[in-house]
C-alpha atoms as a PDB file:
ATOM      1  CA  MET A   1      -0.034  -0.043  -0.197  1.00  0.00           C
ATOM      2  CA  SER A   2       1.306   3.598  -0.835  1.00  0.00           C
ATOM      3  CA  THR A   3       2.305   6.591   1.179  1.00  0.00           C
ATOM      4  CA  TYR A   4      -0.685   7.985  -0.414  1.00  0.00           C
ATOM      5  CA  ALA A   5      -3.421   5.494   0.341  1.00  0.00           C
ATOM      6  CA  LEU A   6      -2.097   5.102   3.915  1.00  0.00           C
ATOM      7  CA  THR A   7      -2.629   8.624   4.677  1.00  0.00           C
ATOM      8  CA  ASP A   8      -6.141   8.802   3.593  1.00  0.00           C
ATOM      9  CA  SER A   9      -6.723   5.355   5.250  1.00  0.00           C
ATOM     10  CA  TRP A  10      -5.669   6.737   8.565  1.00  0.00           C
ATOM     11  CA  ILE A  11      -7.848  10.198   7.726  1.00  0.00           C
ATOM     12  CA  MET A  12     -10.839   7.779   7.539  1.00  0.00           C
ATOM     13  CA  THR A  13      -9.078   5.904  10.874  1.00  0.00           C
ATOM     14  CA  ARG A  14      -9.306   9.191  12.758  1.00  0.00           C
ATOM     15  CA  ARG A  15     -12.927   9.948  11.059  1.00  0.00           C
ATOM     16  CA  GLU A  16     -14.123   6.962  12.325  1.00  0.00           C
ATOM     17  CA  LEU A  17     -12.633   7.432  16.318  1.00  0.00           C
ATOM     18  CA  ALA A  18     -14.450  11.112  15.908  1.00  0.00           C
ATOM     19  CA  HIS A  19     -17.709   8.935  15.612  1.00  0.00           C
ATOM     20  CA  TRP A  20     -16.707   7.078  18.999  1.00  0.00           C
ATOM     21  CA  ALA A  21     -16.915  10.139  20.227  1.00  0.00           C
ATOM     22  CA  ARG A  22     -20.319  10.869  19.316  1.00  0.00           C
ATOM     23  CA  GLN A  23     -22.073   7.291  19.926  1.00  0.00           C
ATOM     24  CA  PRO A  24     -19.543   5.999  23.596  1.00  0.00           C
ATOM     25  CA  VAL A  25     -23.057   3.731  24.225  1.00  0.00           C
ATOM     26  CA  ARG A  26     -21.973   1.874  21.179  1.00  0.00           C
ATOM     27  CA  VAL A  27     -18.577   1.332  22.168  1.00  0.00           C
ATOM     28  CA  LEU A  28     -19.465   0.398  25.609  1.00  0.00           C
ATOM     29  CA  VAL A  29     -21.621  -1.715  24.653  1.00  0.00           C
ATOM     30  CA  GLY A  30     -19.492  -3.589  22.332  1.00  0.00           C
ATOM     31  CA  LEU A  31     -17.209  -4.228  25.304  1.00  0.00           C
ATOM     32  CA  VAL A  32     -20.021  -4.916  27.970  1.00  0.00           C
ATOM     33  CA  PHE A  33     -21.659  -7.341  25.461  1.00  0.00           C
ATOM     34  CA  PRO A  34     -18.596 -10.344  25.480  1.00  0.00           C
ATOM     35  CA  VAL A  35     -17.689  -9.626  29.254  1.00  0.00           C
ATOM     36  CA  MET A  36     -21.966 -10.728  30.027  1.00  0.00           C
ATOM     37  CA  LEU A  37     -21.350 -13.739  27.925  1.00  0.00           C
ATOM     38  CA  LEU A  38     -18.405 -15.048  29.402  1.00  0.00           C
ATOM     39  CA  LEU A  39     -20.029 -14.386  32.843  1.00  0.00           C
ATOM     40  CA  MET A  40     -22.964 -16.443  32.057  1.00  0.00           C
ATOM     41  CA  PHE A  41     -21.128 -18.988  30.742  1.00  0.00           C
ATOM     42  CA  GLY A  42     -18.819 -19.299  33.055  1.00  0.00           C
ATOM     43  CA  TYR A  43     -21.269 -19.265  36.501  1.00  0.00           C
ATOM     44  CA  LEU A  44     -24.827 -20.100  35.005  1.00  0.00           C
ATOM     45  CA  VAL A  45     -23.856 -22.266  31.679  1.00  0.00           C
ATOM     46  CA  GLY A  46     -20.940 -23.707  32.677  1.00  0.00           C
ATOM     47  CA  GLY A  47     -19.762 -27.195  32.934  1.00  0.00           C
ATOM     48  CA  GLY A  48     -17.285 -27.807  30.226  1.00  0.00           C
ATOM     49  CA  ARG A  49     -18.008 -31.188  28.767  1.00  0.00           C
ATOM     50  CA  GLY A  50     -14.594 -33.409  27.900  1.00  0.00           C
ATOM     51  CA  VAL A  51     -12.109 -30.807  29.600  1.00  0.00           C
ATOM     52  CA  GLU A  52      -9.523 -31.819  32.068  1.00  0.00           C
ATOM     53  CA  GLY A  53      -8.471 -29.299  34.410  1.00  0.00           C
ATOM     54  CA  GLU A  54      -9.498 -25.955  35.301  1.00  0.00           C
ATOM     55  CA  TYR A  55     -12.965 -25.277  33.097  1.00  0.00           C
ATOM     56  CA  VAL A  56     -12.586 -21.287  33.301  1.00  0.00           C
ATOM     57  CA  ASP A  57      -8.693 -21.754  31.853  1.00  0.00           C
ATOM     58  CA  TYR A  58     -10.279 -23.651  29.254  1.00  0.00           C
ATOM     59  CA  LEU A  59     -13.611 -21.123  28.631  1.00  0.00           C
ATOM     60  CA  VAL A  60     -11.930 -17.958  28.384  1.00  0.00           C
ATOM     61  CA  PRO A  61      -9.281 -18.522  25.946  1.00  0.00           C
ATOM     62  CA  GLY A  62     -12.778 -19.955  24.256  1.00  0.00           C
ATOM     63  CA  MET A  63     -14.868 -16.473  24.840  1.00  0.00           C
ATOM     64  CA  LEU A  64     -11.704 -14.543  23.869  1.00  0.00           C
ATOM     65  CA  ALA A  65     -11.638 -16.249  19.940  1.00  0.00           C
ATOM     66  CA  LEU A  66     -16.036 -16.234  20.317  1.00  0.00           C
ATOM     67  CA  THR A  67     -15.553 -12.158  20.540  1.00  0.00           C
ATOM     68  CA  MET A  68     -13.118 -11.950  17.895  1.00  0.00           C
ATOM     69  CA  ALA A  69     -16.399 -13.825  15.343  1.00  0.00           C
ATOM     70  CA  PHE A  70     -19.022 -11.333  16.851  1.00  0.00           C
ATOM     71  CA  GLY A  71     -19.492  -7.500  17.218  1.00  0.00           C
ATOM     72  CA  LEU A  72     -19.191  -7.112  13.319  1.00  0.00           C
ATOM     73  CA  GLU A  73     -22.831  -5.643  12.759  1.00  0.00           C
ATOM     74  CA  ALA A  74     -21.533  -2.556  13.768  1.00  0.00           C
ATOM     75  CA  THR A  75     -18.830  -1.533  11.064  1.00  0.00           C
ATOM     76  CA  MET A  76     -21.127  -3.722   8.286  1.00  0.00           C
ATOM     77  CA  ILE A  77     -23.878  -1.315   9.228  1.00  0.00           C
ATOM     78  CA  ALA A  78     -21.474   1.487   9.200  1.00  0.00           C
ATOM     79  CA  VAL A  79     -20.301   0.675   5.621  1.00  0.00           C
ATOM     80  CA  THR A  80     -23.790   0.310   4.392  1.00  0.00           C
ATOM     81  CA  GLN A  81     -24.764   3.837   5.722  1.00  0.00           C
ATOM     82  CA  ASP A  82     -21.684   5.288   3.810  1.00  0.00           C
ATOM     83  CA  LEU A  83     -23.036   3.758   0.701  1.00  0.00           C
ATOM     84  CA  ASN A  84     -26.453   4.651   1.250  1.00  0.00           C
ATOM     85  CA  LYS A  85     -26.549   8.187   2.539  1.00  0.00           C
ATOM     86  CA  GLY A  86     -24.433   9.257  -0.499  1.00  0.00           C
ATOM     87  CA  VAL A  87     -20.968   9.989   1.508  1.00  0.00           C
ATOM     88  CA  ILE A  88     -19.174   7.460  -0.516  1.00  0.00           C
ATOM     89  CA  ASP A  89     -20.279   9.759  -3.491  1.00  0.00           C
ATOM     90  CA  ARG A  90     -18.842  12.794  -1.495  1.00  0.00           C
ATOM     91  CA  PHE A  91     -15.503  11.014  -0.894  1.00  0.00           C
ATOM     92  CA  ARG A  92     -15.201   9.646  -4.299  1.00  0.00           C
ATOM     93  CA  SER A  93     -15.162  13.723  -5.222  1.00  0.00           C
ATOM     94  CA  MET A  94     -11.972  13.983  -3.354  1.00  0.00           C
ATOM     95  CA  PRO A  95      -8.775  13.192  -4.882  1.00  0.00           C
ATOM     96  CA  MET A  96      -8.310  10.140  -2.568  1.00  0.00           C
ATOM     97  CA  ALA A  97      -7.351   6.379  -2.179  1.00  0.00           C
ATOM     98  CA  ASN A  98      -9.697   3.595  -3.062  1.00  0.00           C
ATOM     99  CA  GLY A  99     -10.942   1.741  -0.509  1.00  0.00           C
ATOM    100  CA  ALA A 100      -9.618   4.032   2.107  1.00  0.00           C
ATOM    101  CA  VAL A 101     -12.730   4.391   3.468  1.00  0.00           C
ATOM    102  CA  LEU A 102     -13.239   0.998   4.244  1.00  0.00           C
ATOM    103  CA  VAL A 103      -9.584   0.234   5.188  1.00  0.00           C
ATOM    104  CA  GLY A 104     -10.350   3.355   7.892  1.00  0.00           C
ATOM    105  CA  ARG A 105     -13.718   1.107   9.122  1.00  0.00           C
ATOM    106  CA  SER A 106     -11.908  -1.626   9.539  1.00  0.00           C
ATOM    107  CA  ALA A 107      -8.621   0.127  10.807  1.00  0.00           C
ATOM    108  CA  ALA A 108     -10.937   1.353  14.152  1.00  0.00           C
ATOM    109  CA  ASP A 109     -12.819  -2.101  14.686  1.00  0.00           C
ATOM    110  CA  MET A 110      -9.564  -3.716  15.125  1.00  0.00           C
ATOM    111  CA  LEU A 111      -8.887  -0.943  17.704  1.00  0.00           C
ATOM    112  CA  GLN A 112     -11.915  -2.108  19.586  1.00  0.00           C
ATOM    113  CA  SER A 113     -11.287  -5.506  19.203  1.00  0.00           C
ATOM    114  CA  VAL A 114      -7.802  -4.662  21.615  1.00  0.00           C
ATOM    115  CA  LEU A 115     -10.134  -3.132  23.975  1.00  0.00           C
ATOM    116  CA  SER A 116     -12.407  -6.217  23.889  1.00  0.00           C
ATOM    117  CA  LEU A 117      -9.514  -8.216  24.641  1.00  0.00           C
ATOM    118  CA  ALA A 118      -8.394  -5.957  27.175  1.00  0.00           C
ATOM    119  CA  ALA A 119     -11.926  -6.419  29.178  1.00  0.00           C
ATOM    120  CA  MET A 120     -12.105  -9.857  28.345  1.00  0.00           C
ATOM    121  CA  ILE A 121      -8.356 -10.656  29.374  1.00  0.00           C
ATOM    122  CA  GLY A 122      -8.833  -8.123  33.062  1.00  0.00           C
ATOM    123  CA  VAL A 123     -12.119 -10.544  34.098  1.00  0.00           C
ATOM    124  CA  GLY A 124     -10.840 -13.658  33.523  1.00  0.00           C
ATOM    125  CA  HIS A 125      -8.309 -12.941  35.386  1.00  0.00           C
ATOM    126  CA  ALA A 126     -10.497 -11.792  38.021  1.00  0.00           C
ATOM    127  CA  ILE A 127     -12.803 -14.893  37.862  1.00  0.00           C
ATOM    128  CA  GLY A 128      -9.735 -17.005  38.465  1.00  0.00           C
ATOM    129  CA  TRP A 129      -8.255 -17.609  35.319  1.00  0.00           C
ATOM    130  CA  ARG A 130      -4.427 -17.259  34.865  1.00  0.00           C
ATOM    131  CA  VAL A 131      -1.576 -17.105  32.092  1.00  0.00           C
ATOM    132  CA  HIS A 132       0.349 -19.787  32.081  1.00  0.00           C
ATOM    133  CA  GLY A 133       2.200 -19.420  29.103  1.00  0.00           C
ATOM    134  CA  GLY A 134       4.033 -16.393  30.295  1.00  0.00           C
ATOM    135  CA  VAL A 135       3.789 -13.205  27.876  1.00  0.00           C
ATOM    136  CA  GLY A 136       5.235 -13.967  25.343  1.00  0.00           C
ATOM    137  CA  GLY A 137       2.866 -16.635  25.253  1.00  0.00           C
ATOM    138  CA  LEU A 138       0.252 -14.211  25.977  1.00  0.00           C
ATOM    139  CA  LEU A 139       1.376 -11.642  22.955  1.00  0.00           C
ATOM    140  CA  ALA A 140       1.109 -14.776  20.669  1.00  0.00           C
ATOM    141  CA  ALA A 141      -2.040 -15.387  21.397  1.00  0.00           C
ATOM    142  CA  VAL A 142      -3.266 -11.607  21.047  1.00  0.00           C
ATOM    143  CA  GLY A 143      -1.985 -11.983  17.806  1.00  0.00           C
ATOM    144  CA  LEU A 144      -3.703 -15.334  16.303  1.00  0.00           C
ATOM    145  CA  LEU A 145      -7.101 -13.913  18.041  1.00  0.00           C
ATOM    146  CA  LEU A 146      -6.437 -10.211  16.357  1.00  0.00           C
ATOM    147  CA  LEU A 147      -5.668 -12.113  12.668  1.00  0.00           C
ATOM    148  CA  PHE A 148      -8.844 -14.460  13.246  1.00  0.00           C
ATOM    149  CA  ARG A 149     -10.718 -11.131  13.907  1.00  0.00           C
ATOM    150  CA  PHE A 150      -8.960  -9.066  10.795  1.00  0.00           C
ATOM    151  CA  ALA A 151     -10.342 -11.877   8.590  1.00  0.00           C
ATOM    152  CA  MET A 152     -13.776 -12.472  10.037  1.00  0.00           C
ATOM    153  CA  LEU A 153     -13.902  -8.633   9.749  1.00  0.00           C
ATOM    154  CA  TRP A 154     -13.117  -8.659   6.041  1.00  0.00           C
ATOM    155  CA  ILE A 155     -15.922 -11.097   5.130  1.00  0.00           C
ATOM    156  CA  GLY A 156     -18.493  -8.995   7.294  1.00  0.00           C
ATOM    157  CA  ILE A 157     -17.657  -5.707   5.314  1.00  0.00           C
ATOM    158  CA  HIS A 158     -18.006  -8.082   1.897  1.00  0.00           C
ATOM    159  CA  LEU A 159     -21.400  -9.453   3.343  1.00  0.00           C
ATOM    160  CA  ALA A 160     -22.273  -5.596   4.137  1.00  0.00           C
ATOM    161  CA  MET A 161     -21.869  -4.803   0.515  1.00  0.00           C
ATOM    162  CA  VAL A 162     -23.799  -7.485  -1.098  1.00  0.00           C
ATOM    163  CA  ALA A 163     -26.543  -6.724   1.775  1.00  0.00           C
ATOM    164  CA  GLY A 164     -27.033  -3.110   0.424  1.00  0.00           C
ATOM    165  CA  LYS A 165     -28.617  -2.071   3.167  1.00  0.00           C
ATOM    166  CA  PRO A 166     -28.345  -1.395   7.145  1.00  0.00           C
ATOM    167  CA  GLU A 167     -31.687  -3.643   7.720  1.00  0.00           C
ATOM    168  CA  MET A 168     -30.684  -6.389   5.952  1.00  0.00           C
ATOM    169  CA  VAL A 169     -27.099  -6.854   7.888  1.00  0.00           C
ATOM    170  CA  GLN A 170     -28.806  -8.190  10.777  1.00  0.00           C
ATOM    171  CA  ALA A 171     -29.928 -11.029   8.435  1.00  0.00           C
ATOM    172  CA  VAL A 172     -26.749 -11.697   7.556  1.00  0.00           C
ATOM    173  CA  GLN A 173     -24.897 -11.081  10.761  1.00  0.00           C
ATOM    174  CA  ILE A 174     -26.944 -14.176  11.829  1.00  0.00           C
ATOM    175  CA  LEU A 175     -24.600 -16.368  10.214  1.00  0.00           C
ATOM    176  CA  VAL A 176     -21.364 -15.808  12.464  1.00  0.00           C
ATOM    177  CA  TRP A 177     -24.045 -17.586  15.215  1.00  0.00           C
ATOM    178  CA  PRO A 178     -23.142 -20.794  13.955  1.00  0.00           C
ATOM    179  CA  ILE A 179     -19.724 -20.313  13.413  1.00  0.00           C
ATOM    180  CA  GLY A 180     -19.294 -19.271  17.103  1.00  0.00           C
ATOM    181  CA  PHE A 181     -21.261 -22.340  19.005  1.00  0.00           C
ATOM    182  CA  LEU A 182     -20.125 -24.715  16.587  1.00  0.00           C
ATOM    183  CA  SER A 183     -16.973 -24.898  17.990  1.00  0.00           C
ATOM    184  CA  ASN A 184     -14.933 -25.849  20.538  1.00  0.00           C
ATOM    185  CA  ALA A 185     -15.405 -22.784  22.939  1.00  0.00           C
ATOM    186  CA  PHE A 186     -17.274 -24.500  25.542  1.00  0.00           C
ATOM    187  CA  ALA A 187     -16.838 -27.838  25.052  1.00  0.00           C
ATOM    188  CA  THR A 188     -13.968 -30.372  23.687  1.00  0.00           C
ATOM    189  CA  PRO A 189     -14.747 -31.941  20.186  1.00  0.00           C
ATOM    190  CA  ASP A 190     -14.244 -35.232  21.553  1.00  0.00           C
ATOM    191  CA  SER A 191     -16.992 -35.259  24.155  1.00  0.00           C
ATOM    192  CA  MET A 192     -19.494 -34.390  20.859  1.00  0.00           C
ATOM    193  CA  PRO A 193     -21.091 -36.763  18.485  1.00  0.00           C
ATOM    194  CA  GLY A 194     -18.981 -38.142  15.650  1.00  0.00           C
ATOM    195  CA  LEU A 195     -20.131 -35.979  13.008  1.00  0.00           C
ATOM    196  CA  LEU A 196     -20.944 -32.703  14.884  1.00  0.00           C
ATOM    197  CA  GLY A 197     -17.472 -33.528  16.172  1.00  0.00           C
ATOM    198  CA  THR A 198     -15.556 -33.319  13.146  1.00  0.00           C
ATOM    199  CA  VAL A 199     -17.146 -30.191  12.159  1.00  0.00           C
ATOM    200  CA  VAL A 200     -16.659 -28.332  15.203  1.00  0.00           C
ATOM    201  CA  ASP A 201     -12.792 -29.495  15.041  1.00  0.00           C
ATOM    202  CA  TRP A 202     -12.256 -28.399  11.287  1.00  0.00           C
ATOM    203  CA  ASN A 203     -14.363 -24.792  12.228  1.00  0.00           C
ATOM    204  CA  PRO A 204     -11.610 -22.173  12.323  1.00  0.00           C
ATOM    205  CA  MET A 205     -13.020 -20.372  14.977  1.00  0.00           C
ATOM    206  CA  SER A 206     -11.806 -23.533  16.688  1.00  0.00           C
ATOM    207  CA  GLN A 207      -8.540 -24.321  15.299  1.00  0.00           C
ATOM    208  CA  THR A 208      -7.646 -20.669  16.807  1.00  0.00           C
ATOM    209  CA  ALA A 209      -9.092 -21.263  20.393  1.00  0.00           C
ATOM    210  CA  THR A 210      -7.288 -24.034  20.156  1.00  0.00           C
ATOM    211  CA  ALA A 211      -4.405 -22.339  19.308  1.00  0.00           C
ATOM    212  CA  VAL A 212      -4.946 -19.698  22.184  1.00  0.00           C
ATOM    213  CA  ARG A 213      -5.135 -22.389  24.420  1.00  0.00           C
ATOM    214  CA  ASP A 214      -2.057 -23.662  23.777  1.00  0.00           C
ATOM    215  CA  GLN A 215       0.093 -20.403  23.412  1.00  0.00           C
ATOM    216  CA  LEU A 216      -1.207 -19.432  26.951  1.00  0.00           C
ATOM    217  CA  GLY A 217      -0.800 -22.743  28.690  1.00  0.00           C
ATOM    218  CA  GLY A 218      -4.396 -23.880  29.352  1.00  0.00           C
ATOM    219  CA  PRO A 219      -6.409 -27.526  29.056  1.00  0.00           C
ATOM    220  CA  GLY A 220      -7.344 -28.022  25.553  1.00  0.00           C
ATOM    221  CA  GLY A 221      -3.848 -26.608  23.491  1.00  0.00           C
ATOM    222  CA  GLU A 222      -2.325 -28.173  20.584  1.00  0.00           C
ATOM    223  CA  PRO A 223       0.978 -27.040  19.612  1.00  0.00           C
ATOM    224  CA  GLY A 224      -0.034 -28.642  15.702  1.00  0.00           C
ATOM    225  CA  HIS A 225      -3.058 -26.171  15.499  1.00  0.00           C
ATOM    226  CA  VAL A 226      -0.783 -22.741  15.846  1.00  0.00           C
ATOM    227  CA  TRP A 227      -0.267 -23.371  11.719  1.00  0.00           C
ATOM    228  CA  ALA A 228      -4.063 -23.502  11.033  1.00  0.00           C
ATOM    229  CA  ALA A 229      -4.863 -20.388  13.282  1.00  0.00           C
ATOM    230  CA  VAL A 230      -3.010 -18.793  10.986  1.00  0.00           C
ATOM    231  CA  LEU A 231      -3.386 -20.461   7.959  1.00  0.00           C
ATOM    232  CA  TRP A 232      -7.133 -20.041   7.702  1.00  0.00           C
ATOM    233  CA  PRO A 233      -7.349 -16.619   8.266  1.00  0.00           C
ATOM    234  CA  LEU A 234      -4.643 -15.368   5.209  1.00  0.00           C
ATOM    235  CA  ALA A 235      -6.651 -18.185   3.284  1.00  0.00           C
ATOM    236  CA  LEU A 236      -9.945 -16.157   4.062  1.00  0.00           C
ATOM    237  CA  LEU A 237      -8.521 -12.498   3.608  1.00  0.00           C
ATOM    238  CA  ALA A 238      -6.771 -13.610   0.506  1.00  0.00           C
ATOM    239  CA  VAL A 239     -10.665 -14.779  -0.377  1.00  0.00           C
ATOM    240  CA  PHE A 240     -12.249 -11.795   0.956  1.00  0.00           C
ATOM    241  CA  PHE A 241     -10.098  -8.817   0.882  1.00  0.00           C
ATOM    242  CA  PRO A 242     -10.065  -8.249  -2.992  1.00  0.00           C
ATOM    243  CA  LEU A 243     -13.516  -9.437  -3.257  1.00  0.00           C
ATOM    244  CA  ALA A 244     -14.488  -6.351  -0.671  1.00  0.00           C
ATOM    245  CA  LEU A 245     -12.540  -4.015  -2.643  1.00  0.00           C
ATOM    246  CA  ARG A 246     -13.558  -4.866  -5.935  1.00  0.00           C
ATOM    247  CA  ARG A 247     -16.805  -4.422  -4.988  1.00  0.00           C
ATOM    248  CA  PHE A 248     -16.593  -1.328  -3.239  1.00  0.00           C
ATOM    249  CA  ALA A 249     -15.203   0.416  -6.927  1.00  0.00           C
ATOM    250  CA  ARG A 250     -18.049  -1.372  -8.365  1.00  0.00           C
ATOM    251  CA  LEU A 251     -20.395   0.417  -5.474  1.00  0.00           C
ATOM    252  CA  SER A 252     -18.586   4.031  -5.612  1.00  0.00           C
ATOM    253  CA  ARG A 253     -18.641   4.335  -9.721  1.00  0.00           C
END
């Protein structure tokens, strides 16, 4: 990406951060929702079928991965609103790099994802979860989680432009729920029926959760899944990042 494109993308990122100041409730809800899920599954629905060791050490990494899959609708709706309200047309009249608006949206979303991870890690520590893999393991785990989020984000941006209207985004967002709950976030694949366990094991989110557990030194971690946790998001990005930019260029004409 050229310096020109990076400058335009940074301007669009600052635009999104300015929206945070005007819509703090939206940012707060994005931080509170995953924390509520963690507390609900940890205390109300907890159990951890097939988990050896402390369930909280298995649950928290799974919830961190789940958090990276959820909450895409705010960015998706913002993209469709820009397209439908003529904002893109105004930007198009300026000397701006193609896709800078989308990159700015994604950068702001990634910043909120960092805040969400920090909140989840803090709450997890408060309820008894501990990092057993050291600082290096924690940083590696955060890197894997953000890579997964980045891939999911560009899938969401592409689907938002396909949906076209903000009211259609909610229907598209529902597709994320099977990815989130057909995973090993709450229970091991070995404790599930054969075919279901296989589907869960191959879920990209499960690969990330398993790799994160390995990096954090918790139960359910397997070293071999780190490569899968890197390759899956990169493969998804290789498909959906250019698709999103291409569709945006067509819609902006």
